[in-house]
């Protein structure tokens, strides 16, 4: 996988986590302590999240850092249930 493919995959996972939590970009950006533009860039793979933001992501979503990085990492059904009710 290229660096660009990895960034896009991480971005897709960030967006998936956000939508599973029922948050819009503004709300999620505030949770992460970033601007909406920065979040948008992360979701599209144009910007990689810093280690600090990744730590906030894992804390806020319950997903591991590995889940955000690995395409074949499965989501625990209990975690999905916690966000979708």
Protein backbone atom coordinates (compact mmCIF):
# COMPACT_ATOMS: atom_id res chain seq x y z
CA UNK A 1 0.00 0.00 0.00
CA UNK A 2 1.25 3.47 -0.82
CA UNK A 3 1.32 6.34 1.66
CA UNK A 4 -1.58 7.95 -0.21
CA UNK A 5 -3.67 4.78 0.00
CA UNK A 6 -2.99 4.52 3.72
CA UNK A 7 -4.00 8.16 4.25
CA UNK A 8 -7.23 7.63 2.33
CA UNK A 9 -8.01 4.50 4.32
CA UNK A 10 -7.43 6.32 7.62
CA UNK A 11 -9.67 9.11 6.35
CA UNK A 12 -12.46 6.70 5.48
CA UNK A 13 -12.21 5.22 8.97
CA UNK A 14 -12.35 8.66 10.59
CA UNK A 15 -15.47 9.50 8.59
CA UNK A 16 -17.04 6.13 9.41
CA UNK A 17 -16.39 6.64 13.12
CA UNK A 18 -17.88 10.14 12.93
CA UNK A 19 -21.02 9.00 11.16
CA UNK A 20 -21.45 6.04 13.49
CA UNK A 21 -21.43 8.51 16.37
CA UNK A 22 -24.09 10.62 14.62
CA UNK A 23 -21.86 13.70 14.54
CA UNK A 24 -21.55 16.26 11.77
CA UNK A 25 -18.11 17.56 10.83
CA UNK A 26 -18.36 20.63 13.04
CA UNK A 27 -19.32 18.61 16.13
CA UNK A 28 -16.65 16.00 15.53
CA UNK A 29 -13.97 18.60 14.80
CA UNK A 30 -14.76 20.28 18.13
CA UNK A 31 -14.42 16.92 19.92
CA UNK A 32 -11.00 16.44 18.35
CA UNK A 33 -9.87 20.01 18.92
CA UNK A 34 -9.36 20.71 15.21
CA UNK A 35 -11.03 22.96 12.67
CA UNK A 36 -13.65 21.70 10.24
CA UNK A 37 -11.24 22.19 7.35
CA UNK A 38 -8.60 20.08 9.12
CA UNK A 39 -11.13 17.31 9.76
CA UNK A 40 -12.25 17.43 6.15
CA UNK A 41 -8.64 17.09 5.01
CA UNK A 42 -8.17 14.08 7.29
CA UNK A 43 -11.39 12.44 6.08
CA UNK A 44 -10.32 12.77 2.45
CA UNK A 45 -6.78 11.57 3.11
CA UNK A 46 -5.09 14.87 2.28
CA UNK A 47 -3.82 15.20 5.86
CA UNK A 48 -2.81 12.50 8.32
CA UNK A 49 -3.94 12.85 11.91
CA UNK A 50 -1.17 13.65 14.37
CA UNK A 51 -0.44 11.23 17.18
CA UNK A 52 -2.26 13.58 19.56
CA UNK A 53 -5.38 13.61 17.38
CA UNK A 54 -5.18 9.85 16.94
CA UNK A 55 -5.13 9.52 20.74
CA UNK A 56 -8.24 11.71 21.00
CA UNK A 57 -9.90 9.67 18.23
CA UNK A 58 -9.32 6.42 20.07
CA UNK A 59 -10.57 7.90 23.34
CA UNK A 60 -13.67 9.49 21.79
CA UNK A 61 -14.71 6.58 19.58
CA UNK A 62 -13.57 3.49 21.45
CA UNK A 63 -11.77 2.24 18.34
CA UNK A 64 -8.11 1.31 18.56
CA UNK A 65 -5.40 3.14 16.63
CA UNK A 66 -4.96 -0.09 14.68
CA UNK A 67 -8.56 0.09 13.49
CA UNK A 68 -7.94 3.50 11.96
CA UNK A 69 -4.84 2.26 10.13
CA UNK A 70 -5.51 -1.29 8.99
CA UNK A 71 -7.94 -2.10 6.19
CA UNK A 72 -8.54 -5.65 7.39
CA UNK A 73 -9.08 -4.76 11.05
CA UNK A 74 -12.62 -5.72 12.07
CA UNK A 75 -14.89 -3.64 14.27
CA UNK A 76 -16.17 -5.32 17.41
CA UNK A 77 -19.99 -5.69 17.09
CA UNK A 78 -20.44 -4.48 20.69
CA UNK A 79 -18.63 -1.25 19.82
CA UNK A 80 -20.89 -0.68 16.82
CA UNK A 81 -23.96 -1.37 18.97
CA UNK A 82 -22.80 1.17 21.53
CA UNK A 83 -22.83 3.90 18.87
CA UNK A 84 -25.89 2.89 16.89
CA UNK A 85 -28.14 2.02 19.82
